[in-house]
C-alpha atoms as a PDB file:
ATOM      1  CA  MET A   1     133.685  44.030 202.213  1.00  0.00           C
ATOM      2  CA  SER A   2     134.023  40.458 201.047  1.00  0.00           C
ATOM      3  CA  ALA A   3     136.123  39.387 198.073  1.00  0.00           C
ATOM      4  CA  GLU A   4     132.912  38.582 196.190  1.00  0.00           C
ATOM      5  CA  GLU A   5     131.532  42.092 196.812  1.00  0.00           C
ATOM      6  CA  ASN A   6     134.804  43.574 195.542  1.00  0.00           C
ATOM      7  CA  ILE A   7     134.601  41.370 192.443  1.00  0.00           C
ATOM      8  CA  GLN A   8     131.138  42.757 191.730  1.00  0.00           C
ATOM      9  CA  LEU A   9     132.480  46.317 192.121  1.00  0.00           C
ATOM     10  CA  MET A  10     135.224  45.564 189.569  1.00  0.00           C
ATOM     11  CA  ARG A  11     132.698  44.141 187.119  1.00  0.00           C
ATOM     12  CA  ARG A  12     130.613  47.259 187.639  1.00  0.00           C
ATOM     13  CA  TRP A  13     133.675  49.499 187.073  1.00  0.00           C
ATOM     14  CA  PHE A  14     134.466  47.902 183.714  1.00  0.00           C
ATOM     15  CA  GLN A  15     130.858  47.935 182.569  1.00  0.00           C
ATOM     16  CA  GLU A  16     129.980  51.464 183.633  1.00  0.00           C
ATOM     17  CA  VAL A  17     133.298  53.295 183.212  1.00  0.00           C
ATOM     18  CA  TRP A  18     134.546  51.713 180.002  1.00  0.00           C
ATOM     19  CA  ASN A  19     131.492  50.328 178.212  1.00  0.00           C
ATOM     20  CA  GLU A  20     129.017  53.055 179.217  1.00  0.00           C
ATOM     21  CA  GLY A  21     131.339  56.031 179.803  1.00  0.00           C
ATOM     22  CA  ARG A  22     129.806  56.877 183.188  1.00  0.00           C
ATOM     23  CA  ILE A  23     132.100  59.453 184.793  1.00  0.00           C
ATOM     24  CA  GLU A  24     130.087  59.434 188.018  1.00  0.00           C
ATOM     25  CA  THR A  25     131.117  55.802 188.593  1.00  0.00           C
ATOM     26  CA  VAL A  26     134.780  56.864 188.731  1.00  0.00           C
ATOM     27  CA  TYR A  27     133.953  59.325 191.514  1.00  0.00           C
ATOM     28  CA  GLU A  28     131.855  56.735 193.314  1.00  0.00           C
ATOM     29  CA  LEU A  29     134.298  53.807 193.188  1.00  0.00           C
ATOM     30  CA  LEU A  30     137.770  55.402 193.155  1.00  0.00           C
ATOM     31  CA  SER A  31     139.026  56.760 196.470  1.00  0.00           C
ATOM     32  CA  PRO A  32     139.943  60.467 196.413  1.00  0.00           C
ATOM     33  CA  ASP A  33     143.462  59.329 197.373  1.00  0.00           C
ATOM     34  CA  GLY A  34     143.434  56.355 194.992  1.00  0.00           C
ATOM     35  CA  VAL A  35     146.516  55.662 192.896  1.00  0.00           C
ATOM     36  CA  ALA A  36     146.394  53.809 189.585  1.00  0.00           C
ATOM     37  CA  THR A  37     149.636  52.621 187.979  1.00  0.00           C
ATOM     38  CA  GLY A  38     150.224  51.391 184.439  1.00  0.00           C
ATOM     39  CA  GLN A  39     147.361  52.932 182.487  1.00  0.00           C
ATOM     40  CA  ARG A  40     149.613  55.493 180.751  1.00  0.00           C
ATOM     41  CA  GLY A  41     152.806  53.438 180.876  1.00  0.00           C
ATOM     42  CA  ALA A  42     154.642  50.998 183.086  1.00  0.00           C
ATOM     43  CA  ASP A  43     155.482  53.287 186.008  1.00  0.00           C
ATOM     44  CA  LYS A  44     153.215  56.261 185.391  1.00  0.00           C
ATOM     45  CA  GLU A  45     150.660  57.020 188.093  1.00  0.00           C
ATOM     46  CA  ILE A  46     147.188  58.489 187.937  1.00  0.00           C
ATOM     47  CA  ARG A  47     146.129  60.014 191.246  1.00  0.00           C
ATOM     48  CA  GLY A  48     142.499  60.403 192.258  1.00  0.00           C
ATOM     49  CA  PRO A  49     139.255  60.543 190.306  1.00  0.00           C
ATOM     50  CA  GLU A  50     140.004  63.853 188.501  1.00  0.00           C
ATOM     51  CA  GLU A  51     143.137  62.475 186.842  1.00  0.00           C
ATOM     52  CA  PHE A  52     141.450  59.152 186.083  1.00  0.00           C
ATOM     53  CA  VAL A  53     138.505  60.903 184.400  1.00  0.00           C
ATOM     54  CA  LYS A  54     141.005  62.776 182.212  1.00  0.00           C
ATOM     55  CA  PHE A  55     142.573  59.454 181.180  1.00  0.00           C
ATOM     56  CA  MET A  56     139.141  57.921 180.612  1.00  0.00           C
ATOM     57  CA  ARG A  57     138.096  60.844 178.388  1.00  0.00           C
ATOM     58  CA  GLU A  58     141.276  60.513 176.324  1.00  0.00           C
ATOM     59  CA  ILE A  59     140.738  56.797 175.694  1.00  0.00           C
ATOM     60  CA  ARG A  60     136.993  57.110 175.066  1.00  0.00           C
ATOM     61  CA  GLY A  61     137.667  60.228 172.963  1.00  0.00           C
ATOM     62  CA  ALA A  62     139.907  58.165 170.688  1.00  0.00           C
ATOM     63  CA  PHE A  63     137.763  55.012 170.847  1.00  0.00           C
ATOM     64  CA  PRO A  64     134.159  56.079 171.557  1.00  0.00           C
ATOM     65  CA  ASP A  65     132.766  52.620 170.767  1.00  0.00           C
ATOM     66  CA  ILE A  66     135.079  50.753 173.172  1.00  0.00           C
ATOM     67  CA  GLN A  67     133.625  47.524 174.481  1.00  0.00           C
ATOM     68  CA  VAL A  68     135.486  45.696 177.219  1.00  0.00           C
ATOM     69  CA  LYS A  69     134.735  42.083 178.040  1.00  0.00           C
ATOM     70  CA  VAL A  70     135.663  40.567 181.385  1.00  0.00           C
ATOM     71  CA  GLU A  71     137.389  37.280 180.534  1.00  0.00           C
ATOM     72  CA  ASP A  72     138.345  36.113 184.041  1.00  0.00           C
ATOM     73  CA  VAL A  73     138.050  37.579 187.505  1.00  0.00           C
ATOM     74  CA  PHE A  74     138.872  36.402 191.008  1.00  0.00           C
ATOM     75  CA  GLY A  75     139.446  37.964 194.377  1.00  0.00           C
ATOM     76  CA  ALA A  76     141.177  37.238 197.647  1.00  0.00           C
ATOM     77  CA  GLY A  77     141.099  39.435 200.706  1.00  0.00           C
ATOM     78  CA  ASP A  78     141.023  43.068 199.628  1.00  0.00           C
ATOM     79  CA  LYS A  79     142.341  42.464 196.072  1.00  0.00           C
ATOM     80  CA  VAL A  80     140.656  41.615 192.779  1.00  0.00           C
ATOM     81  CA  VAL A  81     142.385  40.428 189.611  1.00  0.00           C
ATOM     82  CA  LEU A  82     140.595  40.827 186.304  1.00  0.00           C
ATOM     83  CA  ARG A  83     141.678  39.721 182.800  1.00  0.00           C
ATOM     84  CA  TRP A  84     139.934  41.635 180.040  1.00  0.00           C
ATOM     85  CA  SER A  85     139.788  42.067 176.288  1.00  0.00           C
ATOM     86  CA  ALA A  86     138.587  45.069 174.328  1.00  0.00           C
ATOM     87  CA  ILE A  87     137.513  45.867 170.808  1.00  0.00           C
ATOM     88  CA  MET A  88     137.289  49.474 169.669  1.00  0.00           C
ATOM     89  CA  THR A  89     137.523  51.663 166.592  1.00  0.00           C
ATOM     90  CA  HIS A  90     139.933  54.595 166.397  1.00  0.00           C
ATOM     91  CA  THR A  91     137.494  57.280 165.240  1.00  0.00           C
ATOM     92  CA  GLY A  92     138.402  60.173 167.546  1.00  0.00           C
ATOM     93  CA  ASP A  93     141.429  62.288 168.380  1.00  0.00           C
ATOM     94  CA  GLY A  94     141.377  61.787 172.157  1.00  0.00           C
ATOM     95  CA  LEU A  95     145.006  60.610 172.129  1.00  0.00           C
ATOM     96  CA  GLY A  96     146.147  63.646 170.163  1.00  0.00           C
ATOM     97  CA  LEU A  97     146.446  61.530 167.009  1.00  0.00           C
ATOM     98  CA  PRO A  98     144.294  61.824 163.906  1.00  0.00           C
ATOM     99  CA  PRO A  99     141.659  59.074 163.715  1.00  0.00           C
ATOM    100  CA  SER A 100     142.817  56.091 161.673  1.00  0.00           C
ATOM    101  CA  GLY A 101     139.447  54.347 161.406  1.00  0.00           C
ATOM    102  CA  GLN A 102     141.201  51.129 162.402  1.00  0.00           C
ATOM    103  CA  THR A 103     139.586  48.506 164.586  1.00  0.00           C
ATOM    104  CA  VAL A 104     141.786  47.701 167.570  1.00  0.00           C
ATOM    105  CA  ARG A 105     141.800  44.600 169.699  1.00  0.00           C
ATOM    106  CA  SER A 106     143.575  44.781 173.027  1.00  0.00           C
ATOM    107  CA  ARG A 107     144.001  42.711 176.154  1.00  0.00           C
ATOM    108  CA  GLY A 108     145.022  43.479 179.680  1.00  0.00           C
ATOM    109  CA  ILE A 109     145.113  42.516 183.314  1.00  0.00           C
ATOM    110  CA  THR A 110     143.978  44.767 186.132  1.00  0.00           C
ATOM    111  CA  ILE A 111     144.586  44.306 189.849  1.00  0.00           C
ATOM    112  CA  ALA A 112     142.784  46.515 192.342  1.00  0.00           C
ATOM    113  CA  ARG A 113     142.902  46.833 196.111  1.00  0.00           C
ATOM    114  CA  PHE A 114     139.722  47.918 197.872  1.00  0.00           C
ATOM    115  CA  VAL A 115     139.051  49.610 201.190  1.00  0.00           C
ATOM    116  CA  ASP A 116     135.434  50.165 202.235  1.00  0.00           C
ATOM    117  CA  GLY A 117     134.064  49.645 198.718  1.00  0.00           C
ATOM    118  CA  LYS A 118     136.507  51.978 196.956  1.00  0.00           C
ATOM    119  CA  VAL A 119     139.610  51.326 194.882  1.00  0.00           C
ATOM    120  CA  VAL A 120     142.632  52.679 196.754  1.00  0.00           C
ATOM    121  CA  GLU A 121     145.306  51.147 194.526  1.00  0.00           C
ATOM    122  CA  GLY A 122     145.182  49.753 191.028  1.00  0.00           C
ATOM    123  CA  TRP A 123     147.712  48.245 188.639  1.00  0.00           C
ATOM    124  CA  ASP A 124     147.187  47.736 184.926  1.00  0.00           C
ATOM    125  CA  ASN A 125     149.186  45.918 182.324  1.00  0.00           C
ATOM    126  CA  TRP A 126     147.752  46.222 178.821  1.00  0.00           C
ATOM    127  CA  ASP A 127     149.045  46.104 175.275  1.00  0.00           C
ATOM    128  CA  GLN A 128     149.589  49.808 174.623  1.00  0.00           C
ATOM    129  CA  LEU A 129     152.257  49.167 171.987  1.00  0.00           C
ATOM    130  CA  GLY A 130     149.909  46.802 170.137  1.00  0.00           C
ATOM    131  CA  MET A 131     147.228  49.512 170.126  1.00  0.00           C
ATOM    132  CA  LEU A 132     149.674  52.029 168.610  1.00  0.00           C
ATOM    133  CA  GLU A 133     150.743  49.460 166.027  1.00  0.00           C
ATOM    134  CA  GLN A 134     147.140  48.703 165.052  1.00  0.00           C
ATOM    135  CA  ILE A 135     146.316  52.389 164.475  1.00  0.00           C
ATOM    136  CA  GLY A 136     149.464  52.819 162.384  1.00  0.00           C
ATOM    137  CA  VAL A 137     151.511  55.029 164.718  1.00  0.00           C
ATOM    138  CA  TYR A 138     154.203  52.429 165.438  1.00  0.00           C
ATOM    139  CA  LYS A 139     155.810  49.799 163.261  1.00  0.00           C
ATOM    140  CA  GLN A 140     157.936  47.023 164.702  1.00  0.00           C
ATOM    141  CA  PRO A 141     161.496  47.148 163.351  1.00  0.00           C
ATOM    142  CA  LEU A 142     162.505  44.318 161.058  1.00  0.00           C
ATOM    143  CA  ALA A 143     164.831  41.758 162.610  1.00  0.00           C
ATOM    144  CA  ALA A 144     168.426  42.004 161.422  1.00  0.00           C
END
């Protein structure tokens, strides 16, 4: 597939998976052997659609109104890079934390590698600590 076709698949992923909560899109666009790194922490891996759907349900369970906006996207060869922002309200307990009712703003960058129209590798870097701070679970220590 061309870089432009892969870009359109990434746009579709963010719209359907995150904004619409469509689980079937995960199974359609993520390779059964796909590996995603960084969603749960810097070096933590999610393997295959089953594990990704679990992660998706946790995030959407905590933030059911999540809306992700694609800020920038470009592709070269078999890779796509996407910069995104999200706004969401912590009204559910999908993260195992009581709902805070707080509105959270987050940003991130996702890189994905495609083979035959499916994501085979993905890397995410997003402000997980900022999310925890905004819902009141973490407080930055005061400087000495």
